[in-house]
Amino acid sequence: MVVVAAGVLIDEGGRVLIARRHASAHQGGLWEFPGGKVAPGERLEDALARELNEELGITVQTSRLLTQIDHDYGDKQVRLVVFHVTQWSGEPRGCEGQPLAWVDRADLGGYDYPEANQPILATLETL
């Protein structure tokens, strides 16, 4: 099982940040909530902060656990540990060349996501 720490960032206008996976990655070309693999022995919060710094160039200041999702793709099993990042410094940018989009919540359904990300969309309605 691959453990992934992912972050939901919502700007002052209520838009949600999503990123497109590189075409060569597992589930490539689909949109996701930014984050990445948790290293062995790494705290989830530390992995989230590290990954969002590497991917988006931001520093996580505060976050809270939002949900956890286990999903079996057949060829890979993942556990997404999803945090609502409530405060960060820096302006998110695609540091690894990935496209980013700030999307109104009502429009999030217009993007294609990996199956494991679908429950996150429902959880966003509670924020």
N, C-alpha and C. Protein backbone atom coordinates (compact mmCIF):
# COMPACT_ATOMS: atom_id res chain seq x y z
N MET A 1 0.85 -1.18 0.00
CA MET A 1 0.00 0.00 0.00
C MET A 1 0.88 1.24 0.00
N VAL A 2 0.62 2.15 -0.94
CA VAL A 2 1.33 3.41 -1.02
C VAL A 2 0.53 4.45 -0.23
N VAL A 3 1.17 5.09 0.74
CA VAL A 3 0.51 6.12 1.53
C VAL A 3 0.87 7.48 0.95
N VAL A 4 -0.15 8.27 0.69
CA VAL A 4 0.01 9.58 0.06
C VAL A 4 -0.63 10.63 0.95
N ALA A 5 0.09 11.72 1.19
CA ALA A 5 -0.46 12.88 1.89
C ALA A 5 -0.85 13.89 0.82
N ALA A 6 -2.12 14.30 0.83
CA ALA A 6 -2.62 15.26 -0.16
C ALA A 6 -3.21 16.46 0.54
N GLY A 7 -3.16 17.60 -0.15
CA GLY A 7 -3.67 18.84 0.44
C GLY A 7 -4.76 19.47 -0.39
N VAL A 8 -5.79 19.93 0.30
CA VAL A 8 -6.85 20.72 -0.32
C VAL A 8 -6.58 22.17 0.06
N LEU A 9 -6.33 23.00 -0.95
CA LEU A 9 -6.11 24.43 -0.74
C LEU A 9 -7.30 25.17 -1.33
N ILE A 10 -7.86 26.09 -0.56
CA ILE A 10 -8.99 26.89 -1.00
C ILE A 10 -8.60 28.35 -0.84
N ASP A 11 -8.72 29.11 -1.94
CA ASP A 11 -8.31 30.51 -1.88
C ASP A 11 -9.41 31.38 -1.28
N GLU A 12 -9.14 32.67 -1.16
CA GLU A 12 -10.09 33.60 -0.52
C GLU A 12 -11.40 33.68 -1.28
N GLY A 13 -11.38 33.37 -2.58
CA GLY A 13 -12.59 33.39 -3.39
C GLY A 13 -13.35 32.08 -3.37
N GLY A 14 -12.86 31.10 -2.58
CA GLY A 14 -13.54 29.81 -2.48
C GLY A 14 -13.15 28.82 -3.56
N ARG A 15 -12.15 29.17 -4.38
CA ARG A 15 -11.71 28.25 -5.43
C ARG A 15 -10.74 27.22 -4.86
N VAL A 16 -10.76 26.02 -5.46
CA VAL A 16 -9.95 24.89 -5.00
C VAL A 16 -8.81 24.66 -6.00
N LEU A 17 -7.62 24.39 -5.47
CA LEU A 17 -6.45 24.14 -6.32
C LEU A 17 -6.36 22.67 -6.69
N ILE A 18 -6.25 22.39 -7.99
CA ILE A 18 -6.00 21.04 -8.47
C ILE A 18 -4.79 21.07 -9.41
N ALA A 19 -4.16 19.92 -9.58
CA ALA A 19 -2.97 19.79 -10.42
C ALA A 19 -3.16 18.60 -11.36
N ARG A 20 -2.59 18.71 -12.56
CA ARG A 20 -2.67 17.60 -13.51
C ARG A 20 -1.45 16.70 -13.36
N ARG A 21 -1.71 15.39 -13.26
CA ARG A 21 -0.63 14.40 -13.14
C ARG A 21 0.13 14.33 -14.46
N HIS A 22 1.44 14.15 -14.36
CA HIS A 22 2.25 13.98 -15.57
C HIS A 22 1.77 12.76 -16.34
N ALA A 23 1.82 12.84 -17.66
CA ALA A 23 1.32 11.77 -18.52
C ALA A 23 1.99 10.43 -18.22
N SER A 24 3.26 10.45 -17.81
CA SER A 24 4.00 9.21 -17.56
C SER A 24 3.73 8.60 -16.18
N ALA A 25 3.01 9.31 -15.32
CA ALA A 25 2.73 8.84 -13.96
C ALA A 25 1.55 7.87 -13.96
N HIS A 26 1.43 7.08 -12.89
CA HIS A 26 0.24 6.26 -12.68
C HIS A 26 -0.97 7.19 -12.69
N GLN A 27 -2.01 6.85 -13.45
CA GLN A 27 -3.19 7.68 -13.62
C GLN A 27 -2.82 9.02 -14.28
N GLY A 28 -1.81 8.97 -15.15
CA GLY A 28 -1.30 10.18 -15.81
C GLY A 28 -2.36 10.91 -16.61
N GLY A 29 -2.24 12.24 -16.62
CA GLY A 29 -3.14 13.10 -17.37
C GLY A 29 -4.39 13.49 -16.61
N LEU A 30 -4.67 12.82 -15.49
CA LEU A 30 -5.85 13.14 -14.69
C LEU A 30 -5.51 14.25 -13.68
N TRP A 31 -6.53 14.91 -13.20
CA TRP A 31 -6.36 15.99 -12.21
C TRP A 31 -6.43 15.40 -10.81
N GLU A 32 -5.74 16.03 -9.87
CA GLU A 32 -5.68 15.54 -8.49
C GLU A 32 -5.49 16.70 -7.54
N PHE A 33 -5.58 16.37 -6.27
CA PHE A 33 -5.25 17.31 -5.22
C PHE A 33 -3.78 17.12 -4.91
N PRO A 34 -2.99 18.19 -4.89
CA PRO A 34 -1.53 18.05 -4.78
C PRO A 34 -1.07 17.33 -3.53
N GLY A 35 0.05 16.65 -3.66
CA GLY A 35 0.64 15.91 -2.56
C GLY A 35 1.55 14.84 -3.10
N GLY A 36 1.91 13.89 -2.25
CA GLY A 36 2.79 12.83 -2.70
C GLY A 36 3.03 11.79 -1.62
N LYS A 37 3.91 10.86 -1.96
CA LYS A 37 4.18 9.70 -1.12
C LYS A 37 4.79 10.08 0.22
N VAL A 38 4.36 9.37 1.24
CA VAL A 38 4.92 9.51 2.57
C VAL A 38 6.10 8.55 2.68
N ALA A 39 7.25 9.07 3.07
CA ALA A 39 8.45 8.23 3.22
C ALA A 39 8.31 7.36 4.47
N PRO A 40 8.96 6.19 4.48
CA PRO A 40 8.91 5.33 5.68
C PRO A 40 9.37 6.10 6.92
N GLY A 41 8.57 6.03 7.98
CA GLY A 41 8.90 6.71 9.22
C GLY A 41 8.58 8.19 9.25
N GLU A 42 8.12 8.75 8.15
CA GLU A 42 7.82 10.18 8.08
C GLU A 42 6.43 10.46 8.64
N ARG A 43 6.29 11.50 9.42
CA ARG A 43 4.97 11.92 9.91
C ARG A 43 4.14 12.43 8.74
N LEU A 44 2.85 12.18 8.77
CA LEU A 44 1.97 12.59 7.68
C LEU A 44 2.04 14.10 7.43
N GLU A 45 2.00 14.88 8.50
CA GLU A 45 2.04 16.33 8.37
C GLU A 45 3.36 16.79 7.76
N ASP A 46 4.45 16.11 8.12
CA ASP A 46 5.75 16.47 7.55
C ASP A 46 5.80 16.13 6.06
N ALA A 47 5.22 15.00 5.69
CA ALA A 47 5.18 14.60 4.27
C ALA A 47 4.36 15.60 3.48
N LEU A 48 3.22 16.02 4.03
CA LEU A 48 2.39 17.02 3.35
C LEU A 48 3.18 18.31 3.12
N ALA A 49 3.82 18.80 4.17
CA ALA A 49 4.59 20.04 4.06
C ALA A 49 5.72 19.89 3.04
N ARG A 50 6.43 18.77 3.08
CA ARG A 50 7.54 18.55 2.14
C ARG A 50 7.03 18.50 0.71
N GLU A 51 5.99 17.69 0.48
CA GLU A 51 5.47 17.52 -0.88
C GLU A 51 4.91 18.82 -1.45
N LEU A 52 4.17 19.58 -0.65
CA LEU A 52 3.61 20.82 -1.17
C LEU A 52 4.68 21.87 -1.41
N ASN A 53 5.76 21.81 -0.63
CA ASN A 53 6.88 22.70 -0.90
C ASN A 53 7.57 22.32 -2.20
N GLU A 54 7.79 21.02 -2.41
CA GLU A 54 8.44 20.55 -3.64
C GLU A 54 7.58 20.79 -4.87
N GLU A 55 6.29 20.50 -4.77
CA GLU A 55 5.41 20.58 -5.94
C GLU A 55 4.89 21.98 -6.23
N LEU A 56 4.60 22.74 -5.15
CA LEU A 56 3.93 24.03 -5.32
C LEU A 56 4.78 25.22 -4.89
N GLY A 57 5.88 24.98 -4.19
CA GLY A 57 6.73 26.07 -3.73
C GLY A 57 6.12 26.85 -2.57
N ILE A 58 5.22 26.21 -1.81
CA ILE A 58 4.60 26.90 -0.68
C ILE A 58 5.07 26.28 0.64
N THR A 59 4.87 27.02 1.71
CA THR A 59 5.15 26.53 3.06
C THR A 59 3.82 26.38 3.79
N VAL A 60 3.51 25.17 4.19
CA VAL A 60 2.28 24.91 4.94
C VAL A 60 2.46 25.47 6.35
N GLN A 61 1.51 26.30 6.76
CA GLN A 61 1.55 26.86 8.10
C GLN A 61 0.57 26.15 9.03
N THR A 62 -0.66 25.91 8.56
CA THR A 62 -1.61 25.15 9.35
C THR A 62 -2.44 24.26 8.43
N SER A 63 -2.78 23.09 8.95
CA SER A 63 -3.63 22.15 8.21
C SER A 63 -4.37 21.30 9.22
N ARG A 64 -5.44 20.66 8.74
CA ARG A 64 -6.18 19.74 9.60
C ARG A 64 -6.58 18.54 8.77
N LEU A 65 -6.64 17.40 9.41
CA LEU A 65 -7.02 16.18 8.73
C LEU A 65 -8.45 16.32 8.23
N LEU A 66 -8.66 15.97 6.97
CA LEU A 66 -9.97 16.07 6.35
C LEU A 66 -10.61 14.70 6.18
N THR A 67 -9.87 13.76 5.59
CA THR A 67 -10.39 12.43 5.36
C THR A 67 -9.26 11.48 5.02
N GLN A 68 -9.56 10.19 5.06
CA GLN A 68 -8.61 9.15 4.64
C GLN A 68 -9.37 8.20 3.72
N ILE A 69 -8.73 7.85 2.61
CA ILE A 69 -9.36 7.01 1.60
C ILE A 69 -8.41 5.89 1.23
N ASP A 70 -8.88 4.65 1.31
CA ASP A 70 -8.12 3.49 0.81
C ASP A 70 -8.75 3.09 -0.51
N HIS A 71 -7.90 2.87 -1.53
CA HIS A 71 -8.42 2.50 -2.84
C HIS A 71 -7.50 1.48 -3.49
N ASP A 72 -8.10 0.50 -4.15
CA ASP A 72 -7.36 -0.54 -4.86
C ASP A 72 -7.59 -0.36 -6.36
N TYR A 73 -6.53 0.00 -7.07
CA TYR A 73 -6.61 0.16 -8.52
C TYR A 73 -6.39 -1.16 -9.26
N GLY A 74 -6.11 -2.21 -8.52
CA GLY A 74 -5.78 -3.49 -9.14
C GLY A 74 -4.28 -3.65 -9.27
N ASP A 75 -3.63 -2.68 -9.89
CA ASP A 75 -2.17 -2.72 -10.04
C ASP A 75 -1.46 -1.96 -8.92
N LYS A 76 -2.22 -1.21 -8.14
CA LYS A 76 -1.63 -0.42 -7.05
C LYS A 76 -2.71 -0.13 -6.02
N GLN A 77 -2.32 -0.24 -4.74
CA GLN A 77 -3.22 0.11 -3.65
C GLN A 77 -2.70 1.39 -3.01
N VAL A 78 -3.60 2.34 -2.79
CA VAL A 78 -3.20 3.62 -2.22
C VAL A 78 -4.05 3.95 -1.00
N ARG A 79 -3.44 4.65 -0.10
CA ARG A 79 -4.14 5.26 1.03
C ARG A 79 -3.89 6.76 0.91
N LEU A 80 -4.95 7.51 0.63
CA LEU A 80 -4.84 8.96 0.57
C LEU A 80 -5.22 9.53 1.93
N VAL A 81 -4.31 10.24 2.53
CA VAL A 81 -4.58 10.95 3.77
C VAL A 81 -4.66 12.43 3.37
N VAL A 82 -5.88 12.97 3.45
CA VAL A 82 -6.15 14.28 2.88
C VAL A 82 -6.30 15.32 3.98
N PHE A 83 -5.58 16.42 3.81
CA PHE A 83 -5.59 17.52 4.75
C PHE A 83 -6.18 18.76 4.10
N HIS A 84 -6.92 19.53 4.88
CA HIS A 84 -7.35 20.86 4.45
C HIS A 84 -6.25 21.81 4.90
N VAL A 85 -5.54 22.39 3.96
CA VAL A 85 -4.47 23.33 4.27
C VAL A 85 -5.14 24.69 4.46
N THR A 86 -5.19 25.14 5.70
CA THR A 86 -5.94 26.35 6.02
C THR A 86 -5.09 27.62 5.93
N GLN A 87 -3.78 27.47 6.05
CA GLN A 87 -2.88 28.62 5.91
C GLN A 87 -1.58 28.15 5.28
N TRP A 88 -1.08 28.97 4.35
CA TRP A 88 0.20 28.69 3.73
C TRP A 88 0.84 30.01 3.33
N SER A 89 2.14 29.98 3.13
CA SER A 89 2.83 31.17 2.62
C SER A 89 3.41 30.82 1.26
N GLY A 90 3.50 31.83 0.43
CA GLY A 90 3.95 31.64 -0.94
C GLY A 90 2.78 31.52 -1.89
N GLU A 91 3.06 31.68 -3.17
CA GLU A 91 2.04 31.58 -4.21
C GLU A 91 2.21 30.23 -4.91
N PRO A 92 1.21 29.36 -4.86
CA PRO A 92 1.34 28.05 -5.50
C PRO A 92 1.65 28.16 -6.99
N ARG A 93 2.63 27.37 -7.41
CA ARG A 93 3.01 27.31 -8.82
C ARG A 93 3.44 25.88 -9.12
N GLY A 94 3.40 25.48 -10.36
CA GLY A 94 3.77 24.12 -10.76
C GLY A 94 5.28 23.96 -10.83
N CYS A 95 5.92 23.72 -9.71
CA CYS A 95 7.38 23.64 -9.64
C CYS A 95 7.95 22.45 -10.42
N GLU A 96 7.13 21.44 -10.68
CA GLU A 96 7.60 20.26 -11.42
C GLU A 96 7.04 20.25 -12.84
N GLY A 97 6.61 21.42 -13.32
CA GLY A 97 6.11 21.54 -14.67
C GLY A 97 4.65 21.11 -14.85
N GLN A 98 3.97 20.80 -13.75
CA GLN A 98 2.59 20.35 -13.84
C GLN A 98 1.64 21.54 -13.94
N PRO A 99 0.61 21.44 -14.78
CA PRO A 99 -0.39 22.49 -14.83
C PRO A 99 -1.20 22.53 -13.54
N LEU A 100 -1.55 23.73 -13.10
CA LEU A 100 -2.40 23.93 -11.93
C LEU A 100 -3.64 24.69 -12.37
N ALA A 101 -4.72 24.51 -11.61
CA ALA A 101 -5.95 25.27 -11.88
C ALA A 101 -6.64 25.57 -10.57
N TRP A 102 -7.04 26.83 -10.41
CA TRP A 102 -7.91 27.23 -9.31
C TRP A 102 -9.32 27.13 -9.86
N VAL A 103 -10.14 26.28 -9.27
CA VAL A 103 -11.44 25.94 -9.84
C VAL A 103 -12.55 26.24 -8.84
N ASP A 104 -13.61 26.90 -9.31
CA ASP A 104 -14.79 27.08 -8.47
C ASP A 104 -15.34 25.71 -8.10
N ARG A 105 -15.81 25.58 -6.87
CA ARG A 105 -16.32 24.28 -6.40
C ARG A 105 -17.39 23.73 -7.34
N ALA A 106 -18.25 24.58 -7.84
CA ALA A 106 -19.34 24.12 -8.72
C ALA A 106 -18.80 23.54 -10.02
N ASP A 107 -17.58 23.88 -10.38
CA ASP A 107 -16.99 23.42 -11.65
C ASP A 107 -16.04 22.24 -11.49
N LEU A 108 -15.78 21.81 -10.26
CA LEU A 108 -14.82 20.72 -10.04
C LEU A 108 -15.22 19.43 -10.74
N GLY A 109 -16.52 19.18 -10.88
CA GLY A 109 -16.99 17.97 -11.53
C GLY A 109 -16.68 17.91 -13.01
N GLY A 110 -16.23 19.00 -13.59
CA GLY A 110 -15.90 19.03 -15.01
C GLY A 110 -14.50 18.54 -15.33
N TYR A 111 -13.78 18.06 -14.34
CA TYR A 111 -12.41 17.56 -14.53
C TYR A 111 -12.39 16.06 -14.28
N ASP A 112 -11.45 15.37 -14.91
CA ASP A 112 -11.28 13.93 -14.71
C ASP A 112 -10.23 13.68 -13.64
N TYR A 113 -10.59 12.84 -12.64
CA TYR A 113 -9.72 12.54 -11.51
C TYR A 113 -9.50 11.04 -11.41
N PRO A 114 -8.41 10.61 -10.76
CA PRO A 114 -8.28 9.20 -10.41
C PRO A 114 -9.45 8.81 -9.50
N GLU A 115 -9.86 7.56 -9.58
CA GLU A 115 -11.00 7.09 -8.78
C GLU A 115 -10.84 7.39 -7.30
N ALA A 116 -9.63 7.25 -6.78
CA ALA A 116 -9.41 7.46 -5.35
C ALA A 116 -9.71 8.88 -4.91
N ASN A 117 -9.70 9.84 -5.86
CA ASN A 117 -9.96 11.24 -5.53
C ASN A 117 -11.44 11.58 -5.46
N GLN A 118 -12.31 10.72 -5.99
CA GLN A 118 -13.73 11.03 -6.04
C GLN A 118 -14.34 11.33 -4.66
N PRO A 119 -14.04 10.55 -3.61
CA PRO A 119 -14.62 10.88 -2.30
C PRO A 119 -14.20 12.25 -1.76
N ILE A 120 -13.06 12.76 -2.20
CA ILE A 120 -12.61 14.07 -1.74
C ILE A 120 -13.58 15.14 -2.23
N LEU A 121 -14.07 14.99 -3.44
CA LEU A 121 -15.00 15.97 -3.99
C LEU A 121 -16.25 16.09 -3.11
N ALA A 122 -16.77 14.95 -2.66
CA ALA A 122 -17.94 14.97 -1.79
C ALA A 122 -17.60 15.62 -0.45
N THR A 123 -16.40 15.37 0.07
CA THR A 123 -15.98 15.92 1.35
C THR A 123 -15.88 17.45 1.28
N LEU A 124 -15.54 17.98 0.11
CA LEU A 124 -15.40 19.43 -0.05
C LEU A 124 -16.70 20.17 0.23
N GLU A 125 -17.80 19.50 0.07
CA GLU A 125 -19.10 20.14 0.31
C GLU A 125 -19.27 20.50 1.79
N THR A 126 -18.48 19.87 2.67
CA THR A 126 -18.59 20.15 4.10
C THR A 126 -17.70 21.31 4.54
N LEU A 127 -16.86 21.78 3.65
CA LEU A 127 -15.92 22.87 4.01
C LEU A 127 -16.53 24.24 3.74
